[in-house]
N, C-alpha and C. Protein backbone atom coordinates (compact mmCIF):
# COMPACT_ATOMS: atom_id res chain seq x y z
N MET A 1 0.68 -1.38 -0.05
CA MET A 1 -0.17 0.22 0.07
C MET A 1 0.71 1.20 -0.18
N LYS A 2 0.67 2.03 -0.78
CA LYS A 2 1.08 3.27 -0.97
C LYS A 2 1.20 4.28 0.53
N HIS A 3 2.13 5.10 0.60
CA HIS A 3 2.08 5.27 2.01
C HIS A 3 3.32 6.92 2.06
N ILE A 4 3.08 7.26 3.04
CA ILE A 4 4.11 8.72 3.54
C ILE A 4 4.57 8.24 4.95
N LEU A 5 5.62 8.19 5.51
CA LEU A 5 6.04 8.07 6.47
C LEU A 5 6.97 9.38 7.33
N SER A 6 6.51 10.01 8.53
CA SER A 6 7.51 10.97 9.03
C SER A 6 7.26 10.56 10.51
N ALA A 7 8.93 10.82 10.71
CA ALA A 7 9.43 10.11 12.28
C ALA A 7 10.22 11.42 12.67
N PRO A 8 10.30 11.18 13.89
CA PRO A 8 11.19 12.33 14.58
C PRO A 8 12.77 11.56 14.10
N ALA A 9 13.71 12.73 14.48
CA ALA A 9 15.04 12.73 14.09
C ALA A 9 16.02 12.06 15.07
N SER A 10 15.39 11.40 16.15
CA SER A 10 16.18 11.03 16.93
C SER A 10 15.45 9.56 16.75
N SER A 11 16.07 8.08 17.59
CA SER A 11 15.58 6.86 17.30
C SER A 11 15.01 6.46 18.50
N GLY A 12 14.05 5.55 18.26
CA GLY A 12 12.61 5.58 19.44
C GLY A 12 13.30 4.48 20.75
N PRO A 13 11.85 3.85 20.94
CA PRO A 13 10.67 3.47 20.52
C PRO A 13 9.76 4.88 20.22
N TRP A 14 9.21 4.95 19.51
CA TRP A 14 8.09 6.43 18.98
C TRP A 14 6.51 5.72 19.18
N PRO A 15 5.80 6.30 19.55
CA PRO A 15 4.29 6.42 19.05
C PRO A 15 4.05 6.39 17.60
N LEU A 16 3.10 5.42 17.68
CA LEU A 16 2.76 5.60 15.88
C LEU A 16 1.13 5.97 15.90
N LEU A 17 1.17 7.01 14.91
CA LEU A 17 -0.18 7.71 14.81
C LEU A 17 -0.59 7.25 13.09
N VAL A 18 -1.50 6.48 12.97
CA VAL A 18 -1.81 6.38 11.59
C VAL A 18 -2.95 7.37 11.17
N PHE A 19 -2.92 7.96 9.80
CA PHE A 19 -3.86 8.94 9.45
C PHE A 19 -4.20 8.05 7.97
N LEU A 20 -5.83 8.11 7.94
CA LEU A 20 -6.78 8.13 7.05
C LEU A 20 -7.35 8.53 6.48
N HIS A 21 -6.77 9.17 5.42
CA HIS A 21 -7.35 10.27 4.49
C HIS A 21 -8.53 9.84 4.21
N GLY A 22 -9.70 11.09 3.87
CA GLY A 22 -10.94 11.43 3.26
C GLY A 22 -11.05 10.39 1.55
N TYR A 23 -12.50 11.22 1.10
CA TYR A 23 -12.43 10.51 0.04
C TYR A 23 -12.02 11.50 -0.99
N ASP A 24 -11.69 12.47 -0.88
CA ASP A 24 -10.76 13.27 -2.22
C ASP A 24 -9.39 12.94 -2.42
N GLU A 25 -8.73 12.50 -1.45
CA GLU A 25 -7.45 12.25 -1.26
C GLU A 25 -6.55 10.61 -1.75
N GLY A 26 -7.67 9.93 -2.30
CA GLY A 26 -7.33 8.49 -2.75
C GLY A 26 -6.92 8.96 -4.15
N ALA A 27 -6.79 7.40 -4.51
CA ALA A 27 -5.57 7.47 -5.57
C ALA A 27 -7.02 8.02 -6.64
N PRO A 28 -7.07 8.29 -7.50
CA PRO A 28 -5.60 9.12 -8.49
C PRO A 28 -5.30 10.25 -8.19
N THR A 29 -5.73 10.63 -7.14
CA THR A 29 -4.64 11.50 -6.25
C THR A 29 -3.62 11.47 -5.98
N GLU A 30 -2.32 12.43 -6.65
CA GLU A 30 -1.14 12.36 -6.26
C GLU A 30 -0.87 11.86 -4.78
N LEU A 31 -0.27 10.83 -4.71
CA LEU A 31 0.02 10.53 -3.11
C LEU A 31 0.28 11.71 -1.94
N ALA A 32 1.30 12.34 -2.26
CA ALA A 32 1.89 13.24 -1.03
C ALA A 32 0.64 14.08 -1.00
N ALA A 33 0.06 14.92 -2.48
CA ALA A 33 -0.59 15.56 -1.89
C ALA A 33 -2.11 15.20 -1.35
N GLY A 34 -2.28 14.01 -1.21
CA GLY A 34 -3.71 13.29 -1.10
C GLY A 34 -3.63 12.60 0.91
N VAL A 35 -2.29 12.57 0.54
CA VAL A 35 -2.65 12.11 2.53
C VAL A 35 -2.00 13.21 3.39
N THR A 36 -1.29 14.85 2.59
CA THR A 36 -1.00 16.01 3.24
C THR A 36 -1.99 17.24 3.40
N ARG A 37 -2.72 17.02 2.60
CA ARG A 37 -3.86 17.88 2.50
C ARG A 37 -4.89 18.00 3.76
N HIS A 38 -4.88 17.41 4.18
CA HIS A 38 -5.81 17.44 5.96
C HIS A 38 -4.93 16.42 6.65
N GLY A 39 -5.15 16.60 8.27
CA GLY A 39 -4.58 15.39 9.04
C GLY A 39 -3.04 16.11 9.81
N PRO A 40 -2.43 14.73 10.21
CA PRO A 40 -1.20 15.26 11.26
C PRO A 40 -0.05 15.79 9.99
N LEU A 41 -0.03 15.76 9.13
CA LEU A 41 1.25 15.92 8.21
C LEU A 41 0.94 17.35 7.28
N ARG A 42 -0.13 17.78 7.50
CA ARG A 42 -0.56 19.20 6.68
C ARG A 42 0.56 20.20 7.11
N HIS A 43 1.19 21.10 6.62
CA HIS A 43 1.76 22.26 7.03
C HIS A 43 1.62 22.64 8.11
N ALA A 44 0.12 23.29 8.47
CA ALA A 44 -0.34 23.86 9.47
C ALA A 44 -0.47 22.90 10.60
N SER A 45 -0.50 21.86 10.71
CA SER A 45 -0.69 20.81 11.66
C SER A 45 0.48 21.10 12.94
N ALA A 46 0.00 20.60 13.90
CA ALA A 46 0.48 20.86 15.59
C ALA A 46 2.03 20.38 15.01
N LYS A 47 2.70 21.05 16.02
CA LYS A 47 4.27 20.54 15.40
C LYS A 47 4.18 18.98 16.55
N ILE A 48 3.98 19.16 17.14
CA ILE A 48 3.59 17.78 18.29
C ILE A 48 3.92 16.60 17.15
N ALA A 49 2.94 16.53 16.60
CA ALA A 49 2.72 15.43 15.33
C ALA A 49 4.06 14.67 15.18
N LYS A 50 4.73 15.85 14.64
CA LYS A 50 5.97 15.11 13.73
C LYS A 50 7.02 15.18 14.55
N GLU A 51 7.36 15.73 15.86
CA GLU A 51 8.19 15.74 17.07
C GLU A 51 7.91 14.78 17.54
N GLN A 52 6.72 14.22 18.25
CA GLN A 52 6.55 13.22 18.99
C GLN A 52 5.87 11.90 18.76
N PHE A 53 5.96 11.73 17.62
CA PHE A 53 4.83 10.69 16.88
C PHE A 53 5.78 10.06 15.44
N ILE A 54 5.50 8.85 14.88
CA ILE A 54 5.72 8.09 13.73
C ILE A 54 4.68 8.55 12.98
N VAL A 55 4.48 9.48 12.01
CA VAL A 55 2.97 9.10 11.65
C VAL A 55 3.13 8.44 10.41
N LEU A 56 2.26 7.79 10.21
CA LEU A 56 2.12 6.92 8.84
C LEU A 56 0.64 7.10 7.93
N ALA A 57 0.89 7.69 6.83
CA ALA A 57 -0.25 8.05 6.27
C ALA A 57 -0.36 7.19 4.89
N PRO A 58 -0.85 6.11 5.18
CA PRO A 58 -1.46 5.14 3.96
C PRO A 58 -2.45 5.63 2.90
N GLN A 59 -2.19 5.70 1.67
CA GLN A 59 -3.18 6.32 0.38
C GLN A 59 -3.87 4.97 -0.04
N LEU A 60 -5.12 5.06 -0.27
CA LEU A 60 -6.08 3.97 -0.87
C LEU A 60 -5.94 3.80 -2.24
N PRO A 61 -5.97 2.71 -3.05
CA PRO A 61 -5.68 2.55 -4.51
C PRO A 61 -7.42 3.24 -5.29
N LEU A 62 -7.89 3.32 -4.68
CA LEU A 62 -9.11 3.95 -4.85
C LEU A 62 -10.20 4.77 -4.06
N CYS A 63 -11.47 5.84 -4.44
CA CYS A 63 -11.55 6.90 -3.53
C CYS A 63 -12.84 5.74 -2.98
N GLY A 64 -13.17 6.44 -1.76
CA GLY A 64 -14.09 5.72 -1.55
C GLY A 64 -14.45 5.36 0.62
N ASP A 65 -15.44 5.14 0.79
CA ASP A 65 -15.81 4.65 2.17
C ASP A 65 -15.58 3.44 2.55
N VAL A 66 -14.18 2.97 2.05
CA VAL A 66 -13.62 1.56 1.89
C VAL A 66 -12.41 0.97 2.87
N TRP A 67 -12.28 1.68 4.02
CA TRP A 67 -10.98 1.14 4.80
C TRP A 67 -11.02 0.37 5.27
N VAL A 68 -12.19 -0.30 5.66
CA VAL A 68 -12.74 -1.21 6.19
C VAL A 68 -12.12 -2.84 5.23
N ASN A 69 -12.01 -2.37 4.27
CA ASN A 69 -11.02 -3.38 3.38
C ASN A 69 -9.70 -3.59 3.19
N TYR A 70 -9.39 -2.42 4.04
CA TYR A 70 -7.74 -2.49 3.77
C TYR A 70 -7.33 -2.44 5.69
N ALA A 71 -8.13 -3.11 6.27
CA ALA A 71 -7.64 -3.17 7.66
C ALA A 71 -6.65 -3.95 7.87
N ASP A 72 -6.21 -5.02 7.12
CA ASP A 72 -5.06 -6.02 7.38
C ASP A 72 -3.85 -5.43 6.86
N GLU A 73 -4.56 -4.32 5.78
CA GLU A 73 -3.46 -4.13 4.94
C GLU A 73 -2.59 -2.94 5.94
N VAL A 74 -3.04 -2.04 6.30
CA VAL A 74 -2.98 -0.97 7.53
C VAL A 74 -2.06 -1.56 8.24
N GLN A 75 -2.89 -2.80 9.01
CA GLN A 75 -1.92 -3.08 10.46
C GLN A 75 -0.81 -3.69 10.10
N ALA A 76 -0.74 -4.38 8.83
CA ALA A 76 1.02 -5.31 8.65
C ALA A 76 1.55 -3.99 8.08
N LEU A 77 1.39 -2.74 7.66
CA LEU A 77 1.87 -1.79 7.13
C LEU A 77 2.68 -1.17 8.77
N ALA A 78 1.90 -0.94 9.75
CA ALA A 78 1.81 -0.35 11.09
C ALA A 78 2.61 -1.37 11.87
N LEU A 79 3.02 -2.08 11.79
CA LEU A 79 3.92 -3.18 12.21
C LEU A 79 4.88 -3.69 11.61
N SER A 80 5.19 -3.43 10.37
CA SER A 80 6.96 -2.87 9.48
C SER A 80 7.20 -2.03 9.90
N ILE A 81 7.15 -0.79 10.82
CA ILE A 81 7.64 0.20 10.87
C ILE A 81 8.47 0.37 11.86
N PRO A 82 10.03 0.06 11.88
CA PRO A 82 10.83 0.25 12.75
C PRO A 82 10.61 1.45 13.77
N ASP A 83 11.26 1.05 14.93
CA ASP A 83 11.26 1.97 15.83
C ASP A 83 10.05 2.40 16.10
N THR A 84 9.30 1.79 16.50
CA THR A 84 7.61 2.30 17.13
C THR A 84 7.20 1.18 18.55
N ASP A 85 6.49 1.94 19.28
CA ASP A 85 6.40 1.33 20.58
C ASP A 85 4.97 0.34 20.31
N PRO A 86 4.66 -0.69 20.09
CA PRO A 86 3.52 -1.17 19.83
C PRO A 86 2.25 -1.09 20.44
N SER A 87 2.96 -0.60 21.96
CA SER A 87 1.75 -0.51 23.17
C SER A 87 1.10 1.10 22.73
N ARG A 88 1.41 1.67 21.62
CA ARG A 88 1.03 3.03 21.45
C ARG A 88 0.91 3.29 19.94
N PHE A 89 -0.26 2.31 19.82
CA PHE A 89 -0.27 2.73 18.34
C PHE A 89 -1.94 3.19 18.24
N TYR A 90 -1.86 4.48 17.63
CA TYR A 90 -3.13 5.12 17.22
C TYR A 90 -3.64 5.39 16.43
N LEU A 91 -5.27 5.64 15.90
CA LEU A 91 -5.76 5.72 14.40
C LEU A 91 -6.08 7.14 14.58
N THR A 92 -5.99 7.68 13.70
CA THR A 92 -6.98 9.22 13.14
C THR A 92 -7.06 9.14 12.23
N GLY A 93 -8.32 9.59 11.64
CA GLY A 93 -8.52 10.09 10.28
C GLY A 93 -9.97 11.25 9.68
N PHE A 94 -9.65 11.58 8.77
CA PHE A 94 -10.95 12.85 8.28
C PHE A 94 -11.96 12.46 7.53
N SER A 95 -13.33 12.74 7.59
CA SER A 95 -14.36 12.42 7.27
C SER A 95 -14.46 10.89 6.91
N PHE A 96 -14.46 10.46 5.43
CA PHE A 96 -14.35 8.78 5.11
C PHE A 96 -13.05 8.08 5.91
N GLY A 97 -11.85 8.63 6.35
CA GLY A 97 -10.86 8.41 7.11
C GLY A 97 -11.17 8.05 8.38
N GLY A 98 -12.70 9.51 9.07
CA GLY A 98 -12.80 8.93 10.21
C GLY A 98 -13.82 7.88 10.32
N ASN A 99 -14.88 7.39 9.28
CA ASN A 99 -15.02 5.87 9.64
C ASN A 99 -14.48 5.37 9.45
N GLY A 100 -13.75 5.09 8.98
CA GLY A 100 -12.09 4.01 8.58
C GLY A 100 -11.69 4.01 10.15
N VAL A 101 -11.36 4.84 10.81
CA VAL A 101 -10.82 4.64 12.17
C VAL A 101 -11.60 3.84 13.08
N PHE A 102 -12.98 3.98 13.11
CA PHE A 102 -14.15 3.25 13.69
C PHE A 102 -14.21 1.70 13.20
N ASP A 103 -14.10 1.65 11.74
CA ASP A 103 -14.00 0.59 11.17
C ASP A 103 -12.88 -0.38 11.40
N LEU A 104 -11.63 0.14 11.52
CA LEU A 104 -10.67 -0.45 11.79
C LEU A 104 -10.30 -0.75 13.17
N ALA A 105 -10.65 -0.12 13.89
CA ALA A 105 -10.85 -0.66 15.48
C ALA A 105 -11.56 -1.41 15.83
N LEU A 106 -12.78 -1.54 15.08
CA LEU A 106 -13.61 -2.58 15.61
C LEU A 106 -13.21 -4.05 14.65
N ALA A 107 -12.54 -3.90 14.16
CA ALA A 107 -12.01 -5.34 13.39
C ALA A 107 -10.62 -5.34 13.70
N GLN A 108 -10.37 -4.41 14.71
CA GLN A 108 -8.74 -5.15 15.31
C GLN A 108 -8.53 -4.53 16.42
N PRO A 109 -9.99 -4.84 17.55
CA PRO A 109 -10.27 -4.36 18.94
C PRO A 109 -8.56 -4.27 19.97
N ARG A 110 -7.61 -5.45 19.76
CA ARG A 110 -7.00 -5.43 20.58
C ARG A 110 -5.57 -4.78 19.76
N PHE A 111 -5.20 -4.36 19.00
CA PHE A 111 -4.19 -3.60 18.15
C PHE A 111 -3.98 -2.02 18.29
N TRP A 112 -5.17 -1.24 18.82
CA TRP A 112 -4.94 -0.02 18.62
C TRP A 112 -5.27 0.50 19.98
N ALA A 113 -4.47 1.44 20.31
CA ALA A 113 -4.63 2.12 21.77
C ALA A 113 -5.38 2.95 22.19
N ALA A 114 -5.59 3.72 20.86
CA ALA A 114 -6.57 4.62 21.42
C ALA A 114 -7.29 5.24 19.64
N ALA A 115 -8.48 6.18 19.32
CA ALA A 115 -8.93 6.33 18.32
C ALA A 115 -9.38 8.16 18.31
N TRP A 116 -9.04 8.30 16.95
CA TRP A 116 -9.56 10.07 16.91
C TRP A 116 -10.01 10.09 15.68
N SER A 117 -11.33 10.12 15.77
CA SER A 117 -11.84 10.55 14.48
C SER A 117 -12.18 11.90 14.02
N VAL A 118 -12.22 12.47 13.05
CA VAL A 118 -12.40 14.27 12.68
C VAL A 118 -13.73 13.99 11.94
N ASP A 119 -14.64 14.75 12.36
CA ASP A 119 -15.70 14.92 11.44
C ASP A 119 -16.31 13.64 10.42
N PRO A 120 -16.54 12.52 10.71
CA PRO A 120 -16.91 11.28 10.14
C PRO A 120 -18.12 11.58 9.69
N THR A 121 -18.40 10.70 8.82
CA THR A 121 -19.88 10.94 8.03
C THR A 121 -20.98 9.87 8.33
N ARG A 122 -20.68 8.87 9.27
CA ARG A 122 -21.74 7.72 9.99
C ARG A 122 -20.83 7.81 10.89
N VAL A 123 -22.51 6.86 11.86
CA VAL A 123 -22.03 6.44 13.10
C VAL A 123 -21.67 5.28 13.17
N PRO A 124 -20.29 4.63 14.38
CA PRO A 124 -20.20 3.07 13.99
C PRO A 124 -21.34 2.32 14.21
N VAL A 125 -21.23 1.05 13.55
CA VAL A 125 -22.06 0.25 13.87
C VAL A 125 -22.23 -0.02 15.53
N ARG A 126 -21.19 -0.27 16.44
CA ARG A 126 -20.93 -0.68 17.59
C ARG A 126 -19.83 0.39 18.03
N ASP A 127 -19.66 0.55 19.36
CA ASP A 127 -18.50 1.04 20.52
C ASP A 127 -17.19 -0.08 20.13
N PRO A 128 -16.53 0.68 19.62
CA PRO A 128 -15.42 0.17 19.75
C PRO A 128 -14.28 -0.59 20.83
N LYS A 129 -14.97 -0.07 22.20
CA LYS A 129 -14.54 -0.31 23.37
C LYS A 129 -12.86 -0.29 23.41
N LEU A 130 -12.56 1.31 23.22
CA LEU A 130 -11.34 1.83 23.57
C LEU A 130 -10.96 3.46 23.72
N PRO A 131 -10.18 4.10 24.32
CA PRO A 131 -10.48 5.24 24.30
C PRO A 131 -11.19 6.20 22.59
N VAL A 132 -11.79 6.89 22.94
CA VAL A 132 -11.93 8.06 21.67
C VAL A 132 -12.22 9.11 21.97
N TRP A 133 -11.72 9.84 21.07
CA TRP A 133 -12.04 11.36 20.57
C TRP A 133 -12.75 11.69 19.20
N LEU A 134 -13.55 12.18 19.47
CA LEU A 134 -14.27 12.76 18.39
C LEU A 134 -14.19 14.23 18.07
N SER A 135 -13.61 14.32 17.32
CA SER A 135 -14.05 16.03 16.50
C SER A 135 -14.82 16.23 15.25
N ILE A 136 -15.89 16.80 15.98
CA ILE A 136 -17.39 17.19 15.30
C ILE A 136 -16.94 18.19 14.67
N GLY A 137 -17.82 18.39 13.52
CA GLY A 137 -17.40 19.34 12.27
C GLY A 137 -19.28 19.18 11.50
N LYS A 138 -19.25 19.60 10.28
CA LYS A 138 -20.68 19.86 9.58
C LYS A 138 -21.40 18.53 9.40
N LEU A 139 -20.35 17.34 8.98
CA LEU A 139 -21.41 16.26 8.68
C LEU A 139 -21.40 15.11 9.76
N ALA A 140 -20.63 15.11 11.31
CA ALA A 140 -20.73 14.33 12.36
C ALA A 140 -22.10 15.22 13.03
N ARG A 141 -22.03 16.60 12.90
CA ARG A 141 -23.14 16.98 13.80
C ARG A 141 -24.00 16.74 13.67
N ARG A 142 -24.87 16.43 12.24
CA ARG A 142 -26.23 16.11 11.86
C ARG A 142 -26.69 14.63 12.92
N GLN A 143 -25.43 13.81 13.41
CA GLN A 143 -25.96 12.49 14.10
C GLN A 143 -24.95 12.90 15.28
N LYS A 144 -24.79 13.91 15.73
CA LYS A 144 -23.98 14.41 17.12
C LYS A 144 -24.87 13.52 18.09
N ALA A 145 -25.77 14.01 18.70
CA ALA A 145 -26.58 12.94 19.77
C ALA A 145 -26.39 11.14 19.74
N GLU A 146 -26.38 10.75 18.30
CA GLU A 146 -26.35 9.41 18.61
C GLU A 146 -24.76 9.04 18.10
N PHE A 147 -23.77 9.85 17.96
CA PHE A 147 -22.56 9.79 17.82
C PHE A 147 -22.29 9.65 19.76
N ILE A 148 -22.65 10.81 20.52
CA ILE A 148 -22.20 10.40 21.80
C ILE A 148 -22.68 9.15 22.67
N ARG A 149 -24.18 8.62 22.26
CA ARG A 149 -24.97 8.09 22.64
C ARG A 149 -24.11 6.60 22.67
N ARG A 150 -23.65 6.28 21.43
CA ARG A 150 -23.35 5.10 20.90
C ARG A 150 -21.74 5.11 21.39
N LEU A 151 -21.02 6.08 21.29
CA LEU A 151 -19.65 5.62 21.63
C LEU A 151 -19.67 6.36 23.51
N MET A 152 -20.51 6.46 23.72
CA MET A 152 -20.87 6.97 25.42
C MET A 152 -19.63 8.23 25.85
N LEU A 153 -19.82 9.00 25.08
CA LEU A 153 -18.87 10.09 25.30
C LEU A 153 -19.32 11.18 25.97
N SER A 154 -18.47 11.89 26.64
CA SER A 154 -18.33 13.31 27.51
C SER A 154 -18.01 14.27 26.70
N GLY A 155 -18.00 15.50 27.12
CA GLY A 155 -17.72 16.94 27.00
C GLY A 155 -16.59 17.18 27.62
N THR A 156 -15.58 16.35 28.20
CA THR A 156 -14.40 16.49 29.06
C THR A 156 -13.46 15.98 28.69
N ALA A 157 -12.34 17.00 27.97
CA ALA A 157 -10.87 15.46 27.86
C ALA A 157 -10.57 15.46 28.73
N ALA A 158 -10.73 15.36 29.98
CA ALA A 158 -9.88 14.73 31.07
C ALA A 158 -10.40 13.17 31.13
N GLY A 159 -11.71 12.50 30.24
CA GLY A 159 -11.93 11.08 30.06
C GLY A 159 -11.24 10.36 29.18
N GLU A 160 -11.41 9.46 29.09
CA GLU A 160 -11.15 8.27 27.64
C GLU A 160 -12.09 8.45 26.50
N ARG A 161 -13.35 9.28 26.79
CA ARG A 161 -14.20 9.31 25.60
C ARG A 161 -14.85 10.60 25.86
N VAL A 162 -14.26 11.21 24.93
CA VAL A 162 -14.07 12.69 24.47
C VAL A 162 -15.09 13.23 22.99
N TRP A 163 -15.77 14.05 23.17
CA TRP A 163 -16.02 14.86 21.81
C TRP A 163 -15.63 16.78 22.00
N CYS A 164 -15.52 17.12 20.93
CA CYS A 164 -16.12 18.44 20.61
C CYS A 164 -16.35 18.75 19.32
N ASP A 165 -16.93 20.12 19.75
CA ASP A 165 -17.56 20.77 18.39
C ASP A 165 -17.35 22.23 18.61
N GLU A 166 -16.89 22.72 17.44
CA GLU A 166 -16.48 24.08 17.65
C GLU A 166 -17.13 24.56 16.90
N GLY A 167 -18.01 24.44 16.53
CA GLY A 167 -19.06 24.90 15.33
C GLY A 167 -19.13 25.36 13.95
N LEU A 168 -17.35 24.21 13.44
CA LEU A 168 -16.87 24.42 12.38
C LEU A 168 -17.63 23.82 10.88
N ASP A 169 -16.98 23.97 9.73
CA ASP A 169 -17.43 23.29 8.88
C ASP A 169 -16.54 22.20 9.05
N HIS A 170 -16.96 21.11 7.52
CA HIS A 170 -16.24 20.10 7.39
C HIS A 170 -14.95 20.16 7.66
N VAL A 171 -14.30 21.43 6.61
CA VAL A 171 -12.37 21.32 6.47
C VAL A 171 -12.26 21.89 7.78
N GLY A 172 -12.89 22.79 8.18
CA GLY A 172 -12.77 23.23 9.20
C GLY A 172 -12.32 22.84 10.50
N ALA A 173 -12.95 21.83 10.64
CA ALA A 173 -13.04 21.00 11.81
C ALA A 173 -11.75 20.34 11.97
N ALA A 174 -11.55 19.84 10.68
CA ALA A 174 -9.96 19.08 10.09
C ALA A 174 -8.91 19.90 10.57
N THR A 175 -9.01 20.96 10.20
CA THR A 175 -7.67 22.29 10.44
C THR A 175 -7.59 22.66 11.62
N SER A 176 -8.95 22.69 12.28
CA SER A 176 -8.42 22.68 13.92
C SER A 176 -8.24 21.85 14.80
N ALA A 177 -8.56 20.59 14.37
CA ALA A 177 -8.27 19.46 15.28
C ALA A 177 -7.05 18.83 14.93
N TYR A 178 -6.36 19.10 14.33
CA TYR A 178 -5.14 18.60 13.43
C TYR A 178 -4.16 20.00 13.93
N ARG A 179 -4.48 20.88 14.74
CA ARG A 179 -3.83 21.76 14.72
C ARG A 179 -3.18 21.90 16.56
N ASP A 180 -4.51 21.30 17.09
CA ASP A 180 -4.82 21.32 18.94
C ASP A 180 -3.71 19.87 19.23
N GLU A 181 -2.65 20.74 20.37
CA GLU A 181 -1.53 19.77 20.26
C GLU A 181 -2.60 19.06 21.76
N ALA A 182 -3.44 19.56 22.14
CA ALA A 182 -4.05 18.90 23.43
C ALA A 182 -4.52 17.51 23.34
N ILE A 183 -5.16 17.29 22.02
CA ILE A 183 -5.39 15.80 21.59
C ILE A 183 -4.30 15.25 21.27
N TYR A 184 -3.11 15.47 20.77
CA TYR A 184 -1.86 14.60 20.65
C TYR A 184 -1.53 14.14 21.94
N GLU A 185 -1.52 15.39 22.70
CA GLU A 185 -1.25 15.01 23.90
C GLU A 185 -2.22 14.02 24.73
N TRP A 186 -3.35 13.93 24.66
CA TRP A 186 -4.29 13.11 25.15
C TRP A 186 -4.07 11.60 24.53
N LEU A 187 -3.91 11.38 23.11
CA LEU A 187 -3.34 10.40 22.53
C LEU A 187 -2.70 9.85 23.58
N LEU A 188 -0.94 10.43 23.68
CA LEU A 188 -0.38 9.95 24.40
C LEU A 188 -0.52 9.54 25.77
N ARG A 189 -1.22 9.70 26.42
CA ARG A 189 -1.68 8.92 27.68
C ARG A 189 -2.18 7.52 27.25
N HIS A 190 -2.61 7.16 26.71
CA HIS A 190 -3.50 5.92 26.63
C HIS A 190 -2.01 4.72 26.02
N ARG A 191 -2.26 3.65 26.47
CA ARG A 191 -1.06 2.71 25.59
C ARG A 191 -2.74 1.19 25.89
N ARG A 192 -2.32 0.21 25.27
CA ARG A 192 -2.38 -1.05 25.23
C ARG A 192 -1.98 -1.54 26.54
């Protein structure tokens, strides 16, 4: 699976943050343009992403809400990255990638330490039973009550189940979320 990898300058082991892109970022979009348009590798995102995580950004070979079909490939790719700490493997994704976060967490429940979904387009079929941060934008807002109920989310960053809605549109939610150092720090508090 095509991907981009960003790693801190010094040797690890480092936590691994896997970013799942949205619809328009899959092939045939050029790899670097697709996986850096939104998310932790975007130039305006928080510096902590590149300084304290290895960031893995795979690209789907086609556009769509199909990350679940590539769960095994994403997992194998994550395991192949050197200098990582397997107790600190985290998932994040935007839009269809946010859906993929829940799909992969459900398919691989003992693999991921925490999940961070940014403005997903649908509620997961069930609770993935791991720490979850949900950054809500225009698309998730329509189903906000159902997300909160299904995932047992609270509005406080102190817990393992958090939601945040800053009233932003779809892209604005991604830009704001991936710029927020507090969410990366929240991820780092969780281990498998």
